PDB file of N, CA and C in Angstrom:
ATOM      1  N   MET A   1      42.297 -10.357  24.649  1.00  0.00           N
ATOM      2  CA  MET A   1      41.430  -8.956  24.671  1.00  0.00           C
ATOM      3  C   MET A   1      42.073  -7.882  24.021  1.00  0.00           C
ATOM      4  N   SER A   2      41.145  -7.129  22.752  1.00  0.00           N
ATOM      5  CA  SER A   2      41.621  -6.119  22.374  1.00  0.00           C
ATOM      6  C   SER A   2      41.162  -4.720  23.028  1.00  0.00           C
ATOM      7  N   THR A   3      42.961  -4.549  22.210  1.00  0.00           N
ATOM      8  CA  THR A   3      42.419  -3.047  23.418  1.00  0.00           C
ATOM      9  C   THR A   3      41.868  -1.587  22.224  1.00  0.00           C
ATOM     10  N   PRO A   4      41.548  -1.108  22.691  1.00  0.00           N
ATOM     11  CA  PRO A   4      40.831   0.573  21.879  1.00  0.00           C
ATOM     12  C   PRO A   4      41.922   0.055  20.945  1.00  0.00           C
ATOM     13  N   ALA A   5      43.009   0.511  20.809  1.00  0.00           N
ATOM     14  CA  ALA A   5      43.815   0.592  19.385  1.00  0.00           C
ATOM     15  C   ALA A   5      43.688  -0.696  18.526  1.00  0.00           C
ATOM     16  N   SER A   6      43.835  -1.276  19.012  1.00  0.00           N
ATOM     17  CA  SER A   6      43.364  -2.353  17.565  1.00  0.00           C
ATOM     18  C   SER A   6      42.050  -2.958  17.781  1.00  0.00           C
ATOM     19  N   LYS A   7      41.150  -1.980  17.852  1.00  0.00           N
ATOM     20  CA  LYS A   7      39.757  -2.747  17.153  1.00  0.00           C
ATOM     21  C   LYS A   7      39.649  -2.222  16.033  1.00  0.00           C
ATOM     22  N   SER A   8      38.995  -2.445  15.175  1.00  0.00           N
ATOM     23  CA  SER A   8      38.569  -1.499  13.926  1.00  0.00           C
ATOM     24  C   SER A   8      37.346  -0.949  14.035  1.00  0.00           C
ATOM     25  N   ARG A   9      37.254   0.140  13.017  1.00  0.00           N
ATOM     26  CA  ARG A   9      36.348   1.098  13.018  1.00  0.00           C
ATOM     27  C   ARG A   9      34.988   0.924  13.347  1.00  0.00           C
ATOM     28  N   ARG A  10      34.994  -0.198  12.735  1.00  0.00           N
ATOM     29  CA  ARG A  10      33.506  -0.886  13.034  1.00  0.00           C
ATOM     30  C   ARG A  10      32.900  -1.806  14.663  1.00  0.00           C
ATOM     31  N   GLU A  11      34.230  -1.665  15.049  1.00  0.00           N
ATOM     32  CA  GLU A  11      34.205  -2.180  16.460  1.00  0.00           C
ATOM     33  C   GLU A  11      33.663  -1.415  17.003  1.00  0.00           C
ATOM     34  N   VAL A  12      34.671  -0.606  17.365  1.00  0.00           N
ATOM     35  CA  VAL A  12      34.104   1.012  17.443  1.00  0.00           C
ATOM     36  C   VAL A  12      33.237   1.679  17.760  1.00  0.00           C
ATOM     37  N   LEU A  13      32.613   2.046  16.052  1.00  0.00           N
ATOM     38  CA  LEU A  13      30.581   1.723  16.352  1.00  0.00           C
ATOM     39  C   LEU A  13      29.941   0.701  16.685  1.00  0.00           C
ATOM     40  N   GLU A  14      30.604  -0.372  16.610  1.00  0.00           N
ATOM     41  CA  GLU A  14      29.233  -0.587  17.429  1.00  0.00           C
ATOM     42  C   GLU A  14      29.632  -0.817  19.059  1.00  0.00           C
ATOM     43  N   GLY A  15      30.147  -0.901  19.567  1.00  0.00           N
ATOM     44  CA  GLY A  15      30.623  -0.008  21.149  1.00  0.00           C
ATOM     45  C   GLY A  15      29.760   0.835  21.574  1.00  0.00           C
ATOM     46  N   ILE A  16      29.796   2.186  20.587  1.00  0.00           N
ATOM     47  CA  ILE A  16      29.541   3.401  20.778  1.00  0.00           C
ATOM     48  C   ILE A  16      27.770   2.867  20.543  1.00  0.00           C
ATOM     49  N   VAL A  17      27.224   2.373  19.558  1.00  0.00           N
ATOM     50  CA  VAL A  17      25.749   2.203  19.512  1.00  0.00           C
ATOM     51  C   VAL A  17      25.198   1.440  20.468  1.00  0.00           C
ATOM     52  N   ALA A  18      25.808   0.433  20.801  1.00  0.00           N
ATOM     53  CA  ALA A  18      25.475  -1.095  22.255  1.00  0.00           C
ATOM     54  C   ALA A  18      25.767   0.437  23.057  1.00  0.00           C
ATOM     55  N   ALA A  19      26.237   1.113  23.425  1.00  0.00           N
ATOM     56  CA  ALA A  19      25.963   1.639  25.195  1.00  0.00           C
ATOM     57  C   ALA A  19      25.324   3.140  24.057  1.00  0.00           C
ATOM     58  N   GLN A  20      24.931   2.994  23.190  1.00  0.00           N
ATOM     59  CA  GLN A  20      24.312   4.679  23.243  1.00  0.00           C
ATOM     60  C   GLN A  20      23.082   4.380  21.915  1.00  0.00           C
ATOM     61  N   PRO A  21      22.378   3.387  21.838  1.00  0.00           N
ATOM     62  CA  PRO A  21      22.136   3.280  21.217  1.00  0.00           C
ATOM     63  C   PRO A  21      21.088   4.153  20.498  1.00  0.00           C
ATOM     64  N   GLY A  22      20.777   5.263  20.487  1.00  0.00           N
ATOM     65  CA  GLY A  22      19.672   6.568  20.399  1.00  0.00           C
ATOM     66  C   GLY A  22      20.328   7.605  19.504  1.00  0.00           C
ATOM     67  N   ASP A  23      21.743   7.391  19.321  1.00  0.00           N
ATOM     68  CA  ASP A  23      23.277   8.017  19.342  1.00  0.00           C
ATOM     69  C   ASP A  23      23.225   8.143  17.419  1.00  0.00           C
ATOM     70  N   ALA A  24      22.177   9.369  16.329  1.00  0.00           N
ATOM     71  CA  ALA A  24      22.146   8.537  15.613  1.00  0.00           C
ATOM     72  C   ALA A  24      23.377   8.910  14.114  1.00  0.00           C
ATOM     73  N   PHE A  25      24.417   9.833  15.243  1.00  0.00           N
ATOM     74  CA  PHE A  25      25.006  10.179  13.810  1.00  0.00           C
ATOM     75  C   PHE A  25      26.108   8.758  13.380  1.00  0.00           C
ATOM     76  N   ALA A  26      25.856   7.780  15.236  1.00  0.00           N
ATOM     77  CA  ALA A  26      27.152   6.949  15.451  1.00  0.00           C
ATOM     78  C   ALA A  26      26.327   5.283  14.526  1.00  0.00           C
ATOM     79  N   ARG A  27      25.346   5.451  14.404  1.00  0.00           N
ATOM     80  CA  ARG A  27      24.083   4.189  14.028  1.00  0.00           C
ATOM     81  C   ARG A  27      24.560   4.579  12.141  1.00  0.00           C
ATOM     82  N   TYR A  28      24.509   5.939  11.948  1.00  0.00           N
ATOM     83  CA  TYR A  28      24.558   6.206  10.857  1.00  0.00           C
ATOM     84  C   TYR A  28      26.109   5.803  10.109  1.00  0.00           C
ATOM     85  N   GLY A  29      27.674   5.786  11.045  1.00  0.00           N
ATOM     86  CA  GLY A  29      28.500   6.263  10.787  1.00  0.00           C
ATOM     87  C   GLY A  29      28.221   4.136  10.285  1.00  0.00           C
ATOM     88  N   LEU A  30      27.929   3.653  11.506  1.00  0.00           N
ATOM     89  CA  LEU A  30      28.540   2.031  11.461  1.00  0.00           C
ATOM     90  C   LEU A  30      27.113   1.791  10.236  1.00  0.00           C
ATOM     91  N   ALA A  31      26.092   2.181   9.904  1.00  0.00           N
ATOM     92  CA  ALA A  31      25.495   1.398   8.414  1.00  0.00           C
ATOM     93  C   ALA A  31      26.510   1.803   7.499  1.00  0.00           C
ATOM     94  N   LEU A  32      27.502   3.160   7.970  1.00  0.00           N
ATOM     95  CA  LEU A  32      27.980   3.522   6.103  1.00  0.00           C
ATOM     96  C   LEU A  32      29.465   2.174   6.150  1.00  0.00           C
ATOM     97  N   GLU A  33      29.577   2.177   7.539  1.00  0.00           N
ATOM     98  CA  GLU A  33      30.719   1.521   7.774  1.00  0.00           C
ATOM     99  C   GLU A  33      31.113  -0.300   7.360  1.00  0.00           C
ATOM    100  N   CYS A  34      29.380  -0.381   7.581  1.00  0.00           N
ATOM    101  CA  CYS A  34      29.105  -1.759   7.117  1.00  0.00           C
ATOM    102  C   CYS A  34      28.647  -1.927   5.420  1.00  0.00           C
ATOM    103  N   ALA A  35      28.579  -1.430   5.570  1.00  0.00           N
ATOM    104  CA  ALA A  35      28.132  -1.390   3.945  1.00  0.00           C
ATOM    105  C   ALA A  35      29.461  -1.075   2.726  1.00  0.00           C
ATOM    106  N   ASN A  36      30.302  -0.698   3.353  1.00  0.00           N
ATOM    107  CA  ASN A  36      31.890  -0.615   2.903  1.00  0.00           C
ATOM    108  C   ASN A  36      32.572  -1.698   2.379  1.00  0.00           C
ATOM    109  N   SER A  37      32.158  -1.978   4.102  1.00  0.00           N
ATOM    110  CA  SER A  37      32.696  -3.333   3.610  1.00  0.00           C
ATOM    111  C   SER A  37      32.097  -4.799   3.586  1.00  0.00           C
ATOM    112  N   GLY A  38      30.459  -4.408   2.747  1.00  0.00           N
ATOM    113  CA  GLY A  38      30.263  -5.434   1.732  1.00  0.00           C
ATOM    114  C   GLY A  38      29.249  -6.362   2.098  1.00  0.00           C
ATOM    115  N   ASP A  39      29.397  -5.565   4.417  1.00  0.00           N
ATOM    116  CA  ASP A  39      27.962  -6.220   5.018  1.00  0.00           C
ATOM    117  C   ASP A  39      26.232  -6.110   4.420  1.00  0.00           C
ATOM    118  N   THR A  40      25.798  -5.835   3.306  1.00  0.00           N
ATOM    119  CA  THR A  40      24.853  -4.869   3.137  1.00  0.00           C
ATOM    120  C   THR A  40      23.634  -5.619   3.922  1.00  0.00           C
ATOM    121  N   HIS A  41      23.440  -6.740   4.406  1.00  0.00           N
ATOM    122  CA  HIS A  41      22.218  -7.152   5.322  1.00  0.00           C
ATOM    123  C   HIS A  41      22.386  -6.245   6.808  1.00  0.00           C
ATOM    124  N   ALA A  42      23.869  -6.767   7.130  1.00  0.00           N
ATOM    125  CA  ALA A  42      24.380  -5.734   8.452  1.00  0.00           C
ATOM    126  C   ALA A  42      23.904  -4.307   8.096  1.00  0.00           C
ATOM    127  N   ALA A  43      23.666  -3.388   6.721  1.00  0.00           N
ATOM    128  CA  ALA A  43      24.108  -1.903   6.780  1.00  0.00           C
ATOM    129  C   ALA A  43      22.591  -1.629   6.757  1.00  0.00           C
ATOM    130  N   LEU A  44      21.761  -2.875   5.842  1.00  0.00           N
ATOM    131  CA  LEU A  44      20.443  -2.516   5.568  1.00  0.00           C
ATOM    132  C   LEU A  44      19.793  -1.998   6.860  1.00  0.00           C
ATOM    133  N   ALA A  45      19.995  -3.208   7.908  1.00  0.00           N
ATOM    134  CA  ALA A  45      19.076  -3.106   9.062  1.00  0.00           C
ATOM    135  C   ALA A  45      19.661  -2.073   9.647  1.00  0.00           C
ATOM    136  N   HIS A  46      20.526  -1.328   9.949  1.00  0.00           N
ATOM    137  CA  HIS A  46      21.462  -0.784  10.968  1.00  0.00           C
ATOM    138  C   HIS A  46      20.935   1.076   9.720  1.00  0.00           C
ATOM    139  N   PHE A  47      20.546   1.438   8.675  1.00  0.00           N
ATOM    140  CA  PHE A  47      19.737   2.372   7.975  1.00  0.00           C
ATOM    141  C   PHE A  47      18.414   2.030   8.571  1.00  0.00           C
ATOM    142  N   ARG A  48      17.694   1.281   8.728  1.00  0.00           N
ATOM    143  CA  ARG A  48      16.414   0.939   8.822  1.00  0.00           C
ATOM    144  C   ARG A  48      16.103   0.763  10.198  1.00  0.00           C
ATOM    145  N   GLN A  49      17.024   1.173  11.180  1.00  0.00           N
ATOM    146  CA  GLN A  49      16.530   1.337  12.494  1.00  0.00           C
ATOM    147  C   GLN A  49      17.020   2.691  12.871  1.00  0.00           C
ATOM    148  N   LEU A  50      18.272   3.110  12.106  1.00  0.00           N
ATOM    149  CA  LEU A  50      18.475   4.882  12.098  1.00  0.00           C
ATOM    150  C   LEU A  50      17.174   5.490  11.897  1.00  0.00           C
ATOM    151  N   LEU A  51      16.846   5.746  10.701  1.00  0.00           N
ATOM    152  CA  LEU A  51      16.042   5.999   9.812  1.00  0.00           C
ATOM    153  C   LEU A  51      14.309   5.956  11.057  1.00  0.00           C
ATOM    154  N   ALA A  52      14.036   4.598  11.100  1.00  0.00           N
ATOM    155  CA  ALA A  52      12.836   4.143  12.287  1.00  0.00           C
ATOM    156  C   ALA A  52      13.136   5.355  13.050  1.00  0.00           C
ATOM    157  N   ALA A  53      14.290   5.606  13.509  1.00  0.00           N
ATOM    158  CA  ALA A  53      14.215   6.685  14.891  1.00  0.00           C
ATOM    159  C   ALA A  53      14.747   7.687  14.419  1.00  0.00           C
ATOM    160  N   HIS A  54      15.256   7.741  13.585  1.00  0.00           N
ATOM    161  CA  HIS A  54      15.621   9.505  13.721  1.00  0.00           C
ATOM    162  C   HIS A  54      14.944   9.786  11.445  1.00  0.00           C
ATOM    163  N   PRO A  55      14.062   9.750  11.288  1.00  0.00           N
ATOM    164  CA  PRO A  55      13.280  10.483   9.655  1.00  0.00           C
ATOM    165  C   PRO A  55      13.452  11.192   9.213  1.00  0.00           C
ATOM    166  N   GLY A  56      14.214  11.840  10.150  1.00  0.00           N
ATOM    167  CA  GLY A  56      14.925  13.259   9.373  1.00  0.00           C
ATOM    168  C   GLY A  56      15.965  13.108   8.937  1.00  0.00           C
ATOM    169  N   TYR A  57      16.837  12.440   9.017  1.00  0.00           N
ATOM    170  CA  TYR A  57      18.519  12.255   8.989  1.00  0.00           C
ATOM    171  C   TYR A  57      18.547  11.621   7.590  1.00  0.00           C
ATOM    172  N   VAL A  58      18.646  13.234   7.233  1.00  0.00           N
ATOM    173  CA  VAL A  58      18.677  13.151   5.059  1.00  0.00           C
ATOM    174  C   VAL A  58      19.210  12.812   5.326  1.00  0.00           C
ATOM    175  N   ALA A  59      21.442  12.487   4.878  1.00  0.00           N
ATOM    176  CA  ALA A  59      21.889  11.541   5.137  1.00  0.00           C
ATOM    177  C   ALA A  59      21.368  10.220   5.141  1.00  0.00           C
ATOM    178  N   GLY A  60      20.544   9.955   5.888  1.00  0.00           N
ATOM    179  CA  GLY A  60      20.896   8.443   6.112  1.00  0.00           C
ATOM    180  C   GLY A  60      19.599   8.090   4.747  1.00  0.00           C
ATOM    181  N   HIS A  61      18.709   8.854   4.296  1.00  0.00           N
ATOM    182  CA  HIS A  61      18.224   8.055   3.644  1.00  0.00           C
ATOM    183  C   HIS A  61      18.877   8.279   2.359  1.00  0.00           C
ATOM    184  N   GLN A  62      20.106   9.530   2.365  1.00  0.00           N
ATOM    185  CA  GLN A  62      20.276   9.629   0.955  1.00  0.00           C
ATOM    186  C   GLN A  62      22.046   8.000   0.599  1.00  0.00           C
ATOM    187  N   GLN A  63      22.027   8.047   1.141  1.00  0.00           N
ATOM    188  CA  GLN A  63      23.056   6.907   1.435  1.00  0.00           C
ATOM    189  C   GLN A  63      21.924   5.159   1.715  1.00  0.00           C
ATOM    190  N   TYR A  64      20.711   4.923   2.301  1.00  0.00           N
ATOM    191  CA  TYR A  64      20.579   4.014   2.146  1.00  0.00           C
ATOM    192  C   TYR A  64      19.852   4.069   0.748  1.00  0.00           C
ATOM    193  N   GLY A  65      19.127   4.831   0.293  1.00  0.00           N
ATOM    194  CA  GLY A  65      18.393   4.855  -0.820  1.00  0.00           C
ATOM    195  C   GLY A  65      19.509   3.999  -1.773  1.00  0.00           C
ATOM    196  N   GLN A  66      21.170   5.006  -1.493  1.00  0.00           N
ATOM    197  CA  GLN A  66      22.193   4.135  -2.854  1.00  0.00           C
ATOM    198  C   GLN A  66      22.425   3.104  -2.438  1.00  0.00           C
ATOM    199  N   LEU A  67      22.472   2.363  -1.359  1.00  0.00           N
ATOM    200  CA  LEU A  67      22.933   1.190  -1.529  1.00  0.00           C
ATOM    201  C   LEU A  67      21.708   0.231  -2.126  1.00  0.00           C
ATOM    202  N   LEU A  68      20.634   1.270  -2.043  1.00  0.00           N
ATOM    203  CA  LEU A  68      19.697  -0.159  -2.494  1.00  0.00           C
ATOM    204  C   LEU A  68      20.176   0.243  -3.289  1.00  0.00           C
ATOM    205  N   ALA A  69      19.914   0.925  -4.630  1.00  0.00           N
ATOM    206  CA  ALA A  69      19.963   1.094  -5.798  1.00  0.00           C
ATOM    207  C   ALA A  69      20.878   0.196  -6.835  1.00  0.00           C
ATOM    208  N   ARG A  70      22.469   0.392  -5.384  1.00  0.00           N
ATOM    209  CA  ARG A  70      23.426  -0.965  -5.841  1.00  0.00           C
ATOM    210  C   ARG A  70      23.573  -2.339  -5.766  1.00  0.00           C
ATOM    211  N   MET A  71      22.406  -2.354  -4.971  1.00  0.00           N
ATOM    212  CA  MET A  71      21.988  -3.874  -5.199  1.00  0.00           C
ATOM    213  C   MET A  71      20.779  -3.953  -6.106  1.00  0.00           C
ATOM    214  N   GLY A  72      19.899  -3.109  -7.084  1.00  0.00           N
ATOM    215  CA  GLY A  72      19.425  -3.377  -7.424  1.00  0.00           C
ATOM    216  C   GLY A  72      17.587  -3.762  -7.105  1.00  0.00           C
ATOM    217  N   LEU A  73      17.942  -3.229  -6.183  1.00  0.00           N
ATOM    218  CA  LEU A  73      16.176  -2.850  -4.736  1.00  0.00           C
ATOM    219  C   LEU A  73      15.214  -1.669  -5.640  1.00  0.00           C
ATOM    220  N   HIS A  74      15.755  -1.073  -6.973  1.00  0.00           N
ATOM    221  CA  HIS A  74      14.767  -0.271  -7.076  1.00  0.00           C
ATOM    222  C   HIS A  74      13.616   0.062  -6.604  1.00  0.00           C
ATOM    223  N   GLU A  75      12.643  -0.598  -6.284  1.00  0.00           N
ATOM    224  CA  GLU A  75      11.643  -0.112  -6.167  1.00  0.00           C
ATOM    225  C   GLU A  75      11.817   0.745  -4.436  1.00  0.00           C
ATOM    226  N   ASP A  76      12.836  -0.528  -3.967  1.00  0.00           N
ATOM    227  CA  ASP A  76      12.617   0.554  -1.896  1.00  0.00           C
ATOM    228  C   ASP A  76      13.868   1.580  -2.377  1.00  0.00           C
ATOM    229  N   ALA A  77      14.311   1.655  -3.522  1.00  0.00           N
ATOM    230  CA  ALA A  77      15.827   3.015  -4.029  1.00  0.00           C
ATOM    231  C   ALA A  77      14.753   3.730  -3.758  1.00  0.00           C
ATOM    232  N   ARG A  78      13.753   3.829  -4.723  1.00  0.00           N
ATOM    233  CA  ARG A  78      13.193   4.809  -4.836  1.00  0.00           C
ATOM    234  C   ARG A  78      12.055   5.849  -3.592  1.00  0.00           C
ATOM    235  N   ARG A  79      11.466   4.701  -2.975  1.00  0.00           N
ATOM    236  CA  ARG A  79      10.940   5.396  -2.194  1.00  0.00           C
ATOM    237  C   ARG A  79      11.809   5.820  -1.130  1.00  0.00           C
ATOM    238  N   ALA A  80      13.145   4.884  -0.675  1.00  0.00           N
ATOM    239  CA  ALA A  80      13.944   5.783   0.340  1.00  0.00           C
ATOM    240  C   ALA A  80      14.672   7.177  -0.261  1.00  0.00           C
ATOM    241  N   PHE A  81      14.827   7.096  -1.116  1.00  0.00           N
ATOM    242  CA  PHE A  81      14.700   9.269  -2.292  1.00  0.00           C
ATOM    243  C   PHE A  81      13.819   9.777  -1.277  1.00  0.00           C
ATOM    244  N   ARG A  82      12.418   9.149  -2.014  1.00  0.00           N
ATOM    245  CA  ARG A  82      11.511  10.212  -2.464  1.00  0.00           C
ATOM    246  C   ARG A  82      11.044  10.541  -0.871  1.00  0.00           C
ATOM    247  N   GLU A  83      11.782   9.731   0.496  1.00  0.00           N
ATOM    248  CA  GLU A  83      11.233  10.107   1.189  1.00  0.00           C
ATOM    249  C   GLU A  83      12.017  11.018   2.607  1.00  0.00           C
ATOM    250  N   GLY A  84      13.526  10.942   1.436  1.00  0.00           N
ATOM    251  CA  GLY A  84      14.820  12.116   1.835  1.00  0.00           C
ATOM    252  C   GLY A  84      14.514  13.025   1.319  1.00  0.00           C
ATOM    253  N   ILE A  85      13.832  13.377   0.357  1.00  0.00           N
ATOM    254  CA  ILE A  85      13.362  14.358  -0.454  1.00  0.00           C
ATOM    255  C   ILE A  85      12.819  15.286   0.741  1.00  0.00           C
ATOM    256  N   ALA A  86      11.250  14.149   0.978  1.00  0.00           N
ATOM    257  CA  ALA A  86      10.699  15.275   1.114  1.00  0.00           C
ATOM    258  C   ALA A  86      11.107  15.785   3.655  1.00  0.00           C
ATOM    259  N   ALA A  87      12.330  14.700   3.376  1.00  0.00           N
ATOM    260  CA  ALA A  87      13.274  15.286   4.781  1.00  0.00           C
ATOM    261  C   ALA A  87      13.982  16.707   4.723  1.00  0.00           C
ATOM    262  N   ALA A  88      14.571  16.312   3.616  1.00  0.00           N
ATOM    263  CA  ALA A  88      15.642  17.245   3.031  1.00  0.00           C
ATOM    264  C   ALA A  88      14.783  18.344   2.798  1.00  0.00           C
ATOM    265  N   GLN A  89      13.686  18.640   1.774  1.00  0.00           N
ATOM    266  CA  GLN A  89      12.811  19.658   1.771  1.00  0.00           C
ATOM    267  C   GLN A  89      12.242  20.370   3.469  1.00  0.00           C
ATOM    268  N   GLN A  90      11.677  19.516   3.504  1.00  0.00           N
ATOM    269  CA  GLN A  90      11.543  20.164   5.427  1.00  0.00           C
ATOM    270  C   GLN A  90      12.851  20.731   5.966  1.00  0.00           C
ATOM    271  N   SER A  91      14.225  20.192   6.402  1.00  0.00           N
ATOM    272  CA  SER A  91      14.951  20.999   6.676  1.00  0.00           C
ATOM    273  C   SER A  91      15.175  21.695   6.078  1.00  0.00           C
ATOM    274  N   GLY A  92      15.029  22.566   4.877  1.00  0.00           N
ATOM    275  CA  GLY A  92      15.513  23.191   3.546  1.00  0.00           C
ATOM    276  C   GLY A  92      17.284  23.108   3.784  1.00  0.00           C
ATOM    277  N   ASN A  93      17.197  21.814   3.207  1.00  0.00           N
ATOM    278  CA  ASN A  93      18.489  21.011   2.901  1.00  0.00           C
ATOM    279  C   ASN A  93      18.230  20.803   0.872  1.00  0.00           C
ATOM    280  N   ALA A  94      18.169  21.783   0.163  1.00  0.00           N
ATOM    281  CA  ALA A  94      18.188  21.635  -1.073  1.00  0.00           C
ATOM    282  C   ALA A  94      18.696  21.572  -2.097  1.00  0.00           C
ATOM    283  N   HIS A  95      19.748  21.465  -1.184  1.00  0.00           N
ATOM    284  CA  HIS A  95      21.213  20.472  -2.137  1.00  0.00           C
ATOM    285  C   HIS A  95      21.062  18.721  -1.608  1.00  0.00           C
ATOM    286  N   ALA A  96      21.129  18.476  -0.633  1.00  0.00           N
ATOM    287  CA  ALA A  96      20.857  17.286  -0.592  1.00  0.00           C
ATOM    288  C   ALA A  96      19.005  16.676  -1.419  1.00  0.00           C
ATOM    289  N   ALA A  97      18.422  17.695  -1.600  1.00  0.00           N
ATOM    290  CA  ALA A  97      16.988  16.940  -2.057  1.00  0.00           C
ATOM    291  C   ALA A  97      17.514  17.059  -3.305  1.00  0.00           C
ATOM    292  N   ALA A  98      18.183  17.920  -3.375  1.00  0.00           N
ATOM    293  CA  ALA A  98      18.559  17.793  -5.835  1.00  0.00           C
ATOM    294  C   ALA A  98      19.121  17.079  -6.014  1.00  0.00           C
ATOM    295  N   GLU A  99      19.552  16.508  -5.042  1.00  0.00           N
ATOM    296  CA  GLU A  99      21.193  15.100  -5.385  1.00  0.00           C
ATOM    297  C   GLU A  99      19.860  13.497  -5.484  1.00  0.00           C
ATOM    298  N   MET A 100      19.074  13.851  -4.865  1.00  0.00           N
ATOM    299  CA  MET A 100      18.334  12.543  -4.229  1.00  0.00           C
ATOM    300  C   MET A 100      17.144  13.029  -5.442  1.00  0.00           C
ATOM    301  N   GLU A 101      16.624  13.631  -6.057  1.00  0.00           N
ATOM    302  CA  GLU A 101      15.901  13.955  -6.852  1.00  0.00           C
ATOM    303  C   GLU A 101      16.591  13.332  -8.708  1.00  0.00           C
ATOM    304  N   GLU A 102      17.689  13.686  -8.666  1.00  0.00           N
ATOM    305  CA  GLU A 102      18.562  13.527  -9.677  1.00  0.00           C
ATOM    306  C   GLU A 102      18.801  11.432  -9.289  1.00  0.00           C
ATOM    307  N   ALA A 103      18.725  11.449  -8.256  1.00  0.00           N
ATOM    308  CA  ALA A 103      19.205  10.148  -8.270  1.00  0.00           C
ATOM    309  C   ALA A 103      17.703   9.231  -7.990  1.00  0.00           C
ATOM    310  N   LEU A 104      16.662   9.450  -7.876  1.00  0.00           N
ATOM    311  CA  LEU A 104      15.221   8.670  -8.300  1.00  0.00           C
ATOM    312  C   LEU A 104      15.384   9.042  -9.646  1.00  0.00           C
ATOM    313  N   HIS A 105      15.074  10.040 -10.331  1.00  0.00           N
ATOM    314  CA  HIS A 105      15.138  10.089 -11.994  1.00  0.00           C
ATOM    315  C   HIS A 105      15.980   9.186 -12.605  1.00  0.00           C
ATOM    316  N   SER A 106      17.299   9.074 -11.790  1.00  0.00           N
ATOM    317  CA  SER A 106      17.832   8.090 -12.647  1.00  0.00           C
ATOM    318  C   SER A 106      17.701   6.574 -12.354  1.00  0.00           C
ATOM    319  N   LEU A 107      16.681   6.245 -11.835  1.00  0.00           N
ATOM    320  CA  LEU A 107      16.274   5.114 -11.004  1.00  0.00           C
ATOM    321  C   LEU A 107      15.090   4.557 -12.333  1.00  0.00           C
ATOM    322  N   GLY A 108      14.904   5.482 -13.214  1.00  0.00           N
ATOM    323  CA  GLY A 108      13.692   6.139 -14.079  1.00  0.00           C
ATOM    324  C   GLY A 108      12.078   5.834 -13.140  1.00  0.00           C
ATOM    325  N   VAL A 109      12.208   7.171 -12.786  1.00  0.00           N
ATOM    326  CA  VAL A 109      11.110   6.839 -12.137  1.00  0.00           C
ATOM    327  C   VAL A 109       9.870   7.102 -12.291  1.00  0.00           C
TER     328      VAL A 109
END
């Protein structure tokens, strides 16, 4: 049996998400952790769940778009960035909107 100290970051985040599936920050952290560890299938699923429940989560759109772009899924990445730009503009986050516009243009809009 593992103790909290021996659990991986991913295991801790999975526990939080299981206990509080609506916790956007935990779901975002879990998606990033999955992406960083190379589990792109799980990362994509967590980003999709995050953005379905919290469409205004700007950082989620940005990281999701970046992951899709790294995977060569450019049309999906463009869509994620466009949705993220709209969310960023709606929330007044001009910096994130500009970063995603730059990423969108780098994919050849």
